Amino acid sequence: MKEQDLFAEAMGKVQPLPSVDKVVAVKSKPRQPVENIAVRRERVSPVSKPPIALSVQATSDPWMFVADGLSRDRLKRLAAGRPPIGQTFDLHGMTRDEALDLLASGFGHVLSERIRVVCIIHGRGLHSQEGRPVLKEAVYHWLRQGVFAHAVLAVILQPGSGGGACLVLLRRQ
C-alpha cells in the first residue's frame, strides 16, 4: 500500500469539529530586536518594583548565581538552549557606563516582551587597562543588585563562550 492510501484510510473517519468547539489561535506580534531600539544615554528610572537582592545558592563558580529553589536540571536545560535565547546584548567596546545604560534600557524592553533568556556578551577582559575584567564584573554586579535584579533567576556562563558571555534566565512576569 502507498503512503497516500494509508493516509486516506487513516483519515477516512475524521469529521470536522463543529464551529462552537473550535479554538482560535491568537498570534502574538514578532519580537523586535534590541538593535532597533534607540539607546538612551540617561539612566532609566526604577520600575514600579524596587530592587530586591537576589537570594542565591552558594556555587563554586564566581561567575554563576542561582535563585534559591532553582534545580540543577533547570540550569542544564538553560545551558542546552532551552528555552532559546530571546535577546542578545553585545557590550564589546563600550565603557562601563555605556554598557549599563544599554542593559537598563534593553531590559525594560525584554521584560515588557516577556523574554525568558538573555545572552550578554561582555568579553573576558583580556584588553582591560586595569588587568581584570571590569565590564564583566560590572555586568554581574548590575544583575545581582541593579534595578532589574528582582527579575533575574539565574546567571551562568554561556557554554562555548570561553567566559566572555553569560546567559540570564528571567522570572515569568
N, C-alpha and C. Protein backbone atom coordinates (compact mmCIF):
# COMPACT_ATOMS: atom_id res chain seq x y z
N MET A 1 0.83 -1.18 0.00
CA MET A 1 0.00 0.00 0.00
C MET A 1 0.88 1.25 0.00
N LYS A 2 0.48 2.25 -0.73
CA LYS A 2 1.21 3.50 -0.79
C LYS A 2 0.90 4.37 0.43
N GLU A 3 1.80 5.31 0.69
CA GLU A 3 1.60 6.22 1.83
C GLU A 3 0.31 7.00 1.71
N GLN A 4 -0.01 7.43 0.50
CA GLN A 4 -1.24 8.20 0.29
C GLN A 4 -2.47 7.38 0.62
N ASP A 5 -2.45 6.10 0.23
CA ASP A 5 -3.58 5.23 0.53
C ASP A 5 -3.71 5.00 2.04
N LEU A 6 -2.57 4.79 2.72
CA LEU A 6 -2.60 4.62 4.17
C LEU A 6 -3.14 5.86 4.87
N PHE A 7 -2.69 7.02 4.40
CA PHE A 7 -3.16 8.27 4.99
C PHE A 7 -4.66 8.44 4.76
N ALA A 8 -5.12 8.18 3.54
CA ALA A 8 -6.55 8.31 3.23
C ALA A 8 -7.38 7.36 4.08
N GLU A 9 -6.87 6.15 4.29
CA GLU A 9 -7.58 5.18 5.12
C GLU A 9 -7.64 5.64 6.58
N ALA A 10 -6.52 6.15 7.08
CA ALA A 10 -6.47 6.61 8.47
C ALA A 10 -7.36 7.83 8.69
N MET A 11 -7.46 8.68 7.71
CA MET A 11 -8.22 9.93 7.83
C MET A 11 -9.68 9.78 7.40
N GLY A 12 -10.06 8.59 6.93
CA GLY A 12 -11.40 8.38 6.38
C GLY A 12 -12.52 8.69 7.34
N LYS A 13 -12.36 8.45 8.62
CA LYS A 13 -13.43 8.65 9.59
C LYS A 13 -13.36 10.01 10.29
N VAL A 14 -12.43 10.84 9.90
CA VAL A 14 -12.26 12.15 10.55
C VAL A 14 -13.37 13.09 10.10
N GLN A 15 -13.97 13.76 11.06
CA GLN A 15 -15.04 14.72 10.80
C GLN A 15 -14.61 16.09 11.28
N PRO A 16 -14.98 17.15 10.60
CA PRO A 16 -14.65 18.49 11.08
C PRO A 16 -15.37 18.79 12.40
N LEU A 17 -14.72 19.56 13.25
CA LEU A 17 -15.32 19.96 14.51
C LEU A 17 -16.44 20.97 14.25
N PRO A 18 -17.48 20.93 15.07
CA PRO A 18 -18.50 21.99 14.95
C PRO A 18 -17.86 23.33 15.29
N SER A 19 -18.35 24.39 14.71
CA SER A 19 -17.73 25.70 14.87
C SER A 19 -17.74 26.18 16.33
N VAL A 20 -18.66 25.72 17.15
CA VAL A 20 -18.70 26.15 18.55
C VAL A 20 -17.57 25.55 19.36
N ASP A 21 -16.98 24.43 18.93
CA ASP A 21 -15.92 23.77 19.67
C ASP A 21 -14.53 24.17 19.22
N LYS A 22 -14.42 24.98 18.20
CA LYS A 22 -13.12 25.35 17.66
C LYS A 22 -12.44 26.38 18.55
N VAL A 23 -11.14 26.24 18.66
CA VAL A 23 -10.33 27.19 19.40
C VAL A 23 -9.53 27.99 18.40
N VAL A 24 -9.62 29.29 18.46
CA VAL A 24 -8.91 30.16 17.54
C VAL A 24 -7.58 30.56 18.17
N ALA A 25 -6.50 30.29 17.46
CA ALA A 25 -5.18 30.66 17.95
C ALA A 25 -4.94 32.13 17.67
N VAL A 26 -4.41 32.82 18.67
CA VAL A 26 -4.09 34.23 18.52
C VAL A 26 -2.59 34.35 18.36
N LYS A 27 -2.14 34.92 17.27
CA LYS A 27 -0.71 35.08 17.04
C LYS A 27 -0.23 36.34 17.72
N SER A 28 0.90 36.22 18.40
CA SER A 28 1.49 37.39 19.04
C SER A 28 2.34 38.12 18.02
N LYS A 29 2.57 39.40 18.29
CA LYS A 29 3.39 40.17 17.37
C LYS A 29 4.85 39.71 17.47
N PRO A 30 5.60 39.76 16.37
CA PRO A 30 7.00 39.31 16.42
C PRO A 30 7.82 40.23 17.32
N ARG A 31 8.83 39.64 17.95
CA ARG A 31 9.70 40.41 18.85
C ARG A 31 10.64 41.29 18.04
N GLN A 32 10.80 42.49 18.54
CA GLN A 32 11.69 43.45 17.89
C GLN A 32 13.08 43.32 18.49
N PRO A 33 14.11 43.15 17.65
CA PRO A 33 15.46 43.05 18.21
C PRO A 33 15.87 44.37 18.85
N VAL A 34 16.69 44.27 19.89
CA VAL A 34 17.09 45.46 20.65
C VAL A 34 17.92 46.43 19.80
N GLU A 35 18.52 45.94 18.71
CA GLU A 35 19.32 46.82 17.87
C GLU A 35 18.46 47.92 17.25
N ASN A 36 17.14 47.70 17.14
CA ASN A 36 16.26 48.70 16.56
C ASN A 36 15.77 49.72 17.57
N ILE A 37 16.12 49.54 18.81
CA ILE A 37 15.70 50.45 19.86
C ILE A 37 16.77 51.53 20.01
N ALA A 38 16.34 52.76 20.10
CA ALA A 38 17.30 53.85 20.31
C ALA A 38 17.91 53.70 21.69
N VAL A 39 19.22 53.77 21.76
CA VAL A 39 19.90 53.63 23.04
C VAL A 39 19.85 54.96 23.76
N ARG A 40 19.30 54.92 24.97
CA ARG A 40 19.23 56.14 25.77
C ARG A 40 20.46 56.21 26.65
N ARG A 41 21.09 57.35 26.70
CA ARG A 41 22.31 57.51 27.48
C ARG A 41 22.02 57.91 28.92
N GLU A 42 20.80 58.38 29.19
CA GLU A 42 20.50 58.73 30.57
C GLU A 42 20.09 57.48 31.32
N ARG A 43 20.20 57.52 32.61
CA ARG A 43 19.83 56.38 33.45
C ARG A 43 18.32 56.19 33.40
N VAL A 44 17.87 54.96 33.39
CA VAL A 44 16.45 54.65 33.39
C VAL A 44 15.96 54.66 34.82
N SER A 45 14.83 55.32 35.04
CA SER A 45 14.30 55.38 36.40
C SER A 45 13.80 54.01 36.81
N PRO A 46 13.83 53.70 38.09
CA PRO A 46 13.40 52.38 38.55
C PRO A 46 11.96 52.09 38.16
N VAL A 47 11.68 50.83 37.88
CA VAL A 47 10.32 50.41 37.57
C VAL A 47 9.53 50.35 38.86
N SER A 48 8.27 49.96 38.76
CA SER A 48 7.41 50.01 39.93
C SER A 48 7.91 49.12 41.07
N LYS A 49 8.62 48.04 40.75
CA LYS A 49 9.15 47.17 41.79
C LYS A 49 10.53 47.67 42.21
N PRO A 50 10.79 47.79 43.49
CA PRO A 50 12.11 48.22 43.93
C PRO A 50 13.12 47.09 43.73
N PRO A 51 14.41 47.43 43.62
CA PRO A 51 15.41 46.39 43.51
C PRO A 51 15.40 45.49 44.74
N ILE A 52 15.48 44.20 44.52
CA ILE A 52 15.49 43.23 45.60
C ILE A 52 16.77 42.43 45.47
N ALA A 53 17.50 42.28 46.54
CA ALA A 53 18.71 41.46 46.50
C ALA A 53 18.31 40.02 46.23
N LEU A 54 19.01 39.38 45.30
CA LEU A 54 18.72 38.02 44.92
C LEU A 54 19.25 37.07 45.98
N SER A 55 18.38 36.19 46.45
CA SER A 55 18.81 35.17 47.40
C SER A 55 19.41 34.04 46.58
N VAL A 56 20.72 33.87 46.68
CA VAL A 56 21.40 32.95 45.78
C VAL A 56 21.93 31.73 46.52
N GLN A 57 22.01 30.63 45.77
CA GLN A 57 22.63 29.42 46.28
C GLN A 57 24.14 29.59 46.17
N ALA A 58 24.86 29.01 47.09
CA ALA A 58 26.31 29.05 47.03
C ALA A 58 26.79 28.15 45.90
N THR A 59 27.68 28.67 45.06
CA THR A 59 28.27 27.88 44.00
C THR A 59 29.78 28.08 44.05
N SER A 60 30.49 27.13 43.47
CA SER A 60 31.94 27.23 43.45
C SER A 60 32.41 28.17 42.35
N ASP A 61 31.55 28.50 41.42
CA ASP A 61 31.90 29.36 40.29
C ASP A 61 31.51 30.81 40.61
N PRO A 62 32.46 31.74 40.63
CA PRO A 62 32.12 33.12 40.94
C PRO A 62 31.28 33.79 39.85
N TRP A 63 31.25 33.20 38.65
CA TRP A 63 30.51 33.78 37.54
C TRP A 63 29.16 33.09 37.34
N MET A 64 28.63 32.51 38.39
CA MET A 64 27.32 31.87 38.30
C MET A 64 26.56 32.16 39.58
N PHE A 65 25.30 32.56 39.45
CA PHE A 65 24.46 32.63 40.63
C PHE A 65 23.05 32.19 40.26
N VAL A 66 22.39 31.62 41.25
CA VAL A 66 21.13 30.95 41.04
C VAL A 66 20.19 31.29 42.18
N ALA A 67 18.95 31.61 41.87
CA ALA A 67 17.95 31.87 42.91
C ALA A 67 17.68 30.60 43.69
N ASP A 68 17.41 30.74 44.98
CA ASP A 68 17.08 29.59 45.82
C ASP A 68 15.91 28.84 45.22
N GLY A 69 16.01 27.51 45.21
CA GLY A 69 14.92 26.68 44.74
C GLY A 69 15.00 26.29 43.28
N LEU A 70 15.91 26.89 42.52
CA LEU A 70 16.04 26.55 41.10
C LEU A 70 16.90 25.30 40.99
N SER A 71 16.41 24.29 40.29
CA SER A 71 17.09 22.99 40.24
C SER A 71 18.30 23.00 39.31
N ARG A 72 19.21 22.08 39.56
CA ARG A 72 20.37 21.90 38.68
C ARG A 72 19.93 21.45 37.29
N ASP A 73 18.84 20.68 37.24
CA ASP A 73 18.31 20.24 35.96
C ASP A 73 17.88 21.44 35.12
N ARG A 74 17.30 22.44 35.77
CA ARG A 74 16.86 23.65 35.08
C ARG A 74 18.07 24.39 34.50
N LEU A 75 19.18 24.40 35.24
CA LEU A 75 20.40 25.04 34.75
C LEU A 75 20.98 24.28 33.56
N LYS A 76 20.91 22.95 33.60
CA LYS A 76 21.39 22.15 32.48
C LYS A 76 20.58 22.43 31.23
N ARG A 77 19.26 22.56 31.39
CA ARG A 77 18.41 22.89 30.24
C ARG A 77 18.72 24.28 29.70
N LEU A 78 18.99 25.22 30.59
CA LEU A 78 19.36 26.57 30.16
C LEU A 78 20.65 26.54 29.34
N ALA A 79 21.64 25.80 29.83
CA ALA A 79 22.91 25.69 29.11
C ALA A 79 22.74 24.99 27.77
N ALA A 80 21.73 24.12 27.67
CA ALA A 80 21.48 23.39 26.42
C ALA A 80 20.61 24.19 25.45
N GLY A 81 20.21 25.39 25.84
CA GLY A 81 19.44 26.23 24.92
C GLY A 81 17.94 26.14 25.07
N ARG A 82 17.47 25.68 26.21
CA ARG A 82 16.03 25.59 26.45
C ARG A 82 15.68 26.37 27.70
N PRO A 83 14.88 27.41 27.61
CA PRO A 83 14.32 28.00 26.40
C PRO A 83 15.39 28.71 25.58
N PRO A 84 15.10 28.97 24.31
CA PRO A 84 16.11 29.60 23.46
C PRO A 84 16.36 31.06 23.87
N ILE A 85 17.50 31.57 23.43
CA ILE A 85 17.86 32.96 23.71
C ILE A 85 16.89 33.87 22.97
N GLY A 86 16.27 34.78 23.71
CA GLY A 86 15.31 35.69 23.11
C GLY A 86 15.91 37.04 22.75
N GLN A 87 17.02 37.39 23.36
CA GLN A 87 17.65 38.69 23.11
C GLN A 87 19.14 38.60 23.44
N THR A 88 19.96 39.26 22.64
CA THR A 88 21.40 39.29 22.87
C THR A 88 21.86 40.74 22.97
N PHE A 89 22.69 41.00 23.97
CA PHE A 89 23.30 42.32 24.13
C PHE A 89 24.79 42.16 23.95
N ASP A 90 25.38 42.81 22.96
CA ASP A 90 26.82 42.75 22.73
C ASP A 90 27.43 44.05 23.26
N LEU A 91 28.20 43.95 24.32
CA LEU A 91 28.75 45.12 25.00
C LEU A 91 30.21 45.40 24.63
N HIS A 92 30.76 44.66 23.67
CA HIS A 92 32.15 44.87 23.26
C HIS A 92 32.41 46.32 22.89
N GLY A 93 33.51 46.84 23.36
CA GLY A 93 33.94 48.20 23.00
C GLY A 93 33.24 49.31 23.76
N MET A 94 32.36 48.98 24.68
CA MET A 94 31.65 50.01 25.44
C MET A 94 32.36 50.28 26.76
N THR A 95 32.13 51.46 27.27
CA THR A 95 32.59 51.76 28.62
C THR A 95 31.61 51.13 29.60
N ARG A 96 31.99 51.11 30.86
CA ARG A 96 31.12 50.55 31.89
C ARG A 96 29.77 51.27 31.90
N ASP A 97 29.78 52.60 31.87
CA ASP A 97 28.52 53.36 31.92
C ASP A 97 27.67 53.13 30.68
N GLU A 98 28.29 53.09 29.50
CA GLU A 98 27.54 52.84 28.27
C GLU A 98 26.89 51.46 28.31
N ALA A 99 27.63 50.47 28.78
CA ALA A 99 27.11 49.11 28.84
C ALA A 99 25.93 49.01 29.81
N LEU A 100 26.06 49.62 30.97
CA LEU A 100 24.98 49.56 31.96
C LEU A 100 23.76 50.34 31.49
N ASP A 101 23.95 51.45 30.77
CA ASP A 101 22.83 52.18 30.19
C ASP A 101 22.09 51.33 29.16
N LEU A 102 22.86 50.64 28.31
CA LEU A 102 22.24 49.77 27.30
C LEU A 102 21.46 48.64 27.96
N LEU A 103 22.04 48.04 28.99
CA LEU A 103 21.34 46.96 29.70
C LEU A 103 20.06 47.49 30.36
N ALA A 104 20.13 48.64 30.98
CA ALA A 104 18.96 49.20 31.67
C ALA A 104 17.83 49.47 30.68
N SER A 105 18.15 50.08 29.56
CA SER A 105 17.09 50.37 28.59
C SER A 105 16.63 49.09 27.89
N GLY A 106 17.55 48.19 27.61
CA GLY A 106 17.20 46.95 26.93
C GLY A 106 16.40 46.00 27.80
N PHE A 107 16.70 45.93 29.10
CA PHE A 107 15.98 45.02 29.98
C PHE A 107 14.53 45.46 30.16
N GLY A 108 14.26 46.75 30.08
CA GLY A 108 12.87 47.21 30.12
C GLY A 108 12.09 46.63 28.96
N HIS A 109 12.69 46.64 27.78
CA HIS A 109 12.06 46.06 26.59
C HIS A 109 11.91 44.55 26.74
N VAL A 110 12.96 43.89 27.21
CA VAL A 110 12.96 42.43 27.37
C VAL A 110 11.83 42.00 28.31
N LEU A 111 11.69 42.67 29.42
CA LEU A 111 10.65 42.30 30.38
C LEU A 111 9.25 42.60 29.84
N SER A 112 9.11 43.70 29.11
CA SER A 112 7.78 44.01 28.55
C SER A 112 7.39 43.00 27.48
N GLU A 113 8.36 42.43 26.79
CA GLU A 113 8.08 41.42 25.75
C GLU A 113 8.04 40.00 26.32
N ARG A 114 8.26 39.86 27.64
CA ARG A 114 8.23 38.57 28.34
C ARG A 114 9.24 37.57 27.79
N ILE A 115 10.40 38.06 27.46
CA ILE A 115 11.50 37.21 27.01
C ILE A 115 12.08 36.53 28.23
N ARG A 116 12.38 35.23 28.14
CA ARG A 116 12.84 34.46 29.29
C ARG A 116 14.36 34.38 29.40
N VAL A 117 15.07 34.32 28.26
CA VAL A 117 16.52 34.12 28.30
C VAL A 117 17.21 35.23 27.51
N VAL A 118 18.21 35.83 28.15
CA VAL A 118 19.00 36.89 27.54
C VAL A 118 20.46 36.45 27.55
N CYS A 119 21.15 36.72 26.45
CA CYS A 119 22.59 36.49 26.37
C CYS A 119 23.28 37.85 26.43
N ILE A 120 24.24 37.98 27.33
CA ILE A 120 25.01 39.22 27.44
C ILE A 120 26.45 38.89 27.11
N ILE A 121 26.96 39.49 26.02
CA ILE A 121 28.35 39.30 25.61
C ILE A 121 29.14 40.45 26.22
N HIS A 122 29.92 40.14 27.25
CA HIS A 122 30.66 41.17 27.97
C HIS A 122 32.16 41.09 27.73
N GLY A 123 32.61 40.02 27.11
CA GLY A 123 34.04 39.82 26.89
C GLY A 123 34.70 39.25 28.14
N ARG A 124 35.95 38.85 27.97
CA ARG A 124 36.68 38.24 29.09
C ARG A 124 37.57 39.23 29.82
N GLY A 125 37.69 40.43 29.31
CA GLY A 125 38.50 41.44 29.98
C GLY A 125 39.99 41.33 29.68
N LEU A 126 40.32 40.66 28.57
CA LEU A 126 41.74 40.47 28.23
C LEU A 126 42.44 41.78 27.87
N HIS A 127 41.69 42.75 27.37
CA HIS A 127 42.28 44.02 26.94
C HIS A 127 41.98 45.15 27.93
N SER A 128 41.53 44.80 29.10
CA SER A 128 41.20 45.79 30.11
C SER A 128 42.48 46.45 30.63
N GLN A 129 42.43 47.76 30.77
CA GLN A 129 43.60 48.50 31.26
C GLN A 129 43.88 48.21 32.73
N GLU A 130 42.86 47.80 33.46
CA GLU A 130 43.03 47.55 34.89
C GLU A 130 43.51 46.14 35.18
N GLY A 131 43.67 45.31 34.13
CA GLY A 131 44.18 43.95 34.31
C GLY A 131 43.16 42.96 34.86
N ARG A 132 41.92 43.38 34.98
CA ARG A 132 40.85 42.49 35.43
C ARG A 132 39.62 42.78 34.56
N PRO A 133 38.67 41.84 34.52
CA PRO A 133 37.50 42.02 33.65
C PRO A 133 36.51 43.05 34.21
N VAL A 134 36.77 44.31 33.97
CA VAL A 134 35.98 45.40 34.54
C VAL A 134 34.52 45.32 34.08
N LEU A 135 34.30 45.16 32.79
CA LEU A 135 32.95 45.14 32.25
C LEU A 135 32.18 43.91 32.75
N LYS A 136 32.85 42.78 32.77
CA LYS A 136 32.23 41.54 33.25
C LYS A 136 31.80 41.68 34.71
N GLU A 137 32.68 42.23 35.53
CA GLU A 137 32.35 42.44 36.95
C GLU A 137 31.18 43.41 37.11
N ALA A 138 31.18 44.48 36.31
CA ALA A 138 30.09 45.46 36.40
C ALA A 138 28.75 44.85 35.99
N VAL A 139 28.76 44.02 34.95
CA VAL A 139 27.53 43.38 34.49
C VAL A 139 26.99 42.45 35.57
N TYR A 140 27.84 41.62 36.16
CA TYR A 140 27.39 40.68 37.18
C TYR A 140 26.88 41.42 38.42
N HIS A 141 27.57 42.49 38.80
CA HIS A 141 27.11 43.30 39.94
C HIS A 141 25.74 43.90 39.63
N TRP A 142 25.55 44.42 38.41
CA TRP A 142 24.28 45.02 38.00
C TRP A 142 23.16 43.96 38.01
N LEU A 143 23.47 42.75 37.54
CA LEU A 143 22.47 41.69 37.52
C LEU A 143 22.05 41.28 38.93
N ARG A 144 22.98 41.33 39.88
CA ARG A 144 22.68 40.95 41.26
C ARG A 144 21.95 42.05 42.03
N GLN A 145 22.35 43.31 41.81
CA GLN A 145 21.85 44.38 42.67
C GLN A 145 21.25 45.56 41.94
N GLY A 146 21.13 45.49 40.63
CA GLY A 146 20.60 46.61 39.86
C GLY A 146 19.08 46.72 39.92
N VAL A 147 18.56 47.63 39.14
CA VAL A 147 17.13 47.92 39.09
C VAL A 147 16.31 46.69 38.74
N PHE A 148 16.84 45.81 37.89
CA PHE A 148 16.09 44.65 37.43
C PHE A 148 16.51 43.34 38.12
N ALA A 149 17.20 43.43 39.23
CA ALA A 149 17.65 42.23 39.95
C ALA A 149 16.48 41.35 40.38
N HIS A 150 15.33 41.96 40.64
CA HIS A 150 14.15 41.19 41.05
C HIS A 150 13.69 40.22 39.97
N ALA A 151 14.06 40.46 38.72
CA ALA A 151 13.59 39.63 37.60
C ALA A 151 14.56 38.50 37.26
N VAL A 152 15.75 38.49 37.85
CA VAL A 152 16.78 37.52 37.48
C VAL A 152 16.65 36.26 38.34
N LEU A 153 16.54 35.10 37.66
CA LEU A 153 16.50 33.81 38.36
C LEU A 153 17.87 33.15 38.41
N ALA A 154 18.61 33.24 37.31
CA ALA A 154 19.91 32.57 37.26
C ALA A 154 20.79 33.25 36.22
N VAL A 155 22.09 33.17 36.46
CA VAL A 155 23.09 33.64 35.51
C VAL A 155 24.17 32.56 35.44
N ILE A 156 24.44 32.10 34.22
CA ILE A 156 25.50 31.11 34.01
C ILE A 156 26.35 31.56 32.83
N LEU A 157 27.59 31.09 32.79
CA LEU A 157 28.42 31.37 31.63
C LEU A 157 27.84 30.63 30.43
N GLN A 158 27.85 31.28 29.28
CA GLN A 158 27.34 30.63 28.08
C GLN A 158 28.33 29.56 27.63
N PRO A 159 27.86 28.33 27.46
CA PRO A 159 28.77 27.27 27.01
C PRO A 159 29.40 27.64 25.67
N GLY A 160 30.70 27.41 25.57
CA GLY A 160 31.42 27.70 24.33
C GLY A 160 31.89 29.13 24.18
N SER A 161 31.60 29.98 25.16
CA SER A 161 31.97 31.40 25.04
C SER A 161 33.35 31.68 25.61
N GLY A 162 33.96 30.71 26.27
CA GLY A 162 35.25 30.94 26.88
C GLY A 162 35.19 31.90 28.05
N GLY A 163 34.01 32.12 28.60
CA GLY A 163 33.85 33.03 29.73
C GLY A 163 33.55 34.45 29.32
N GLY A 164 33.32 34.68 28.03
CA GLY A 164 33.07 36.04 27.54
C GLY A 164 31.61 36.40 27.39
N ALA A 165 30.71 35.49 27.75
CA ALA A 165 29.28 35.77 27.64
C ALA A 165 28.53 34.98 28.71
N CYS A 166 27.38 35.50 29.09
CA CYS A 166 26.57 34.80 30.08
C CYS A 166 25.13 34.70 29.60
N LEU A 167 24.44 33.70 30.14
CA LEU A 167 23.01 33.52 29.88
C LEU A 167 22.27 33.92 31.14
N VAL A 168 21.21 34.69 30.98
CA VAL A 168 20.42 35.16 32.11
C VAL A 168 19.01 34.61 31.96
N LEU A 169 18.56 33.85 32.96
CA LEU A 169 17.20 33.32 32.97
C LEU A 169 16.36 34.29 33.80
N LEU A 170 15.29 34.78 33.20
CA LEU A 170 14.42 35.77 33.86
C LEU A 170 13.16 35.12 34.39
N ARG A 171 12.62 35.70 35.44
CA ARG A 171 11.37 35.22 36.02
C ARG A 171 10.22 35.42 35.02
N ARG A 172 9.22 34.56 35.14
CA ARG A 172 8.00 34.77 34.36
C ARG A 172 7.29 35.98 34.95
N GLN A 173 6.79 36.83 34.11
CA GLN A 173 6.12 38.04 34.58
C GLN A 173 4.63 37.81 34.63
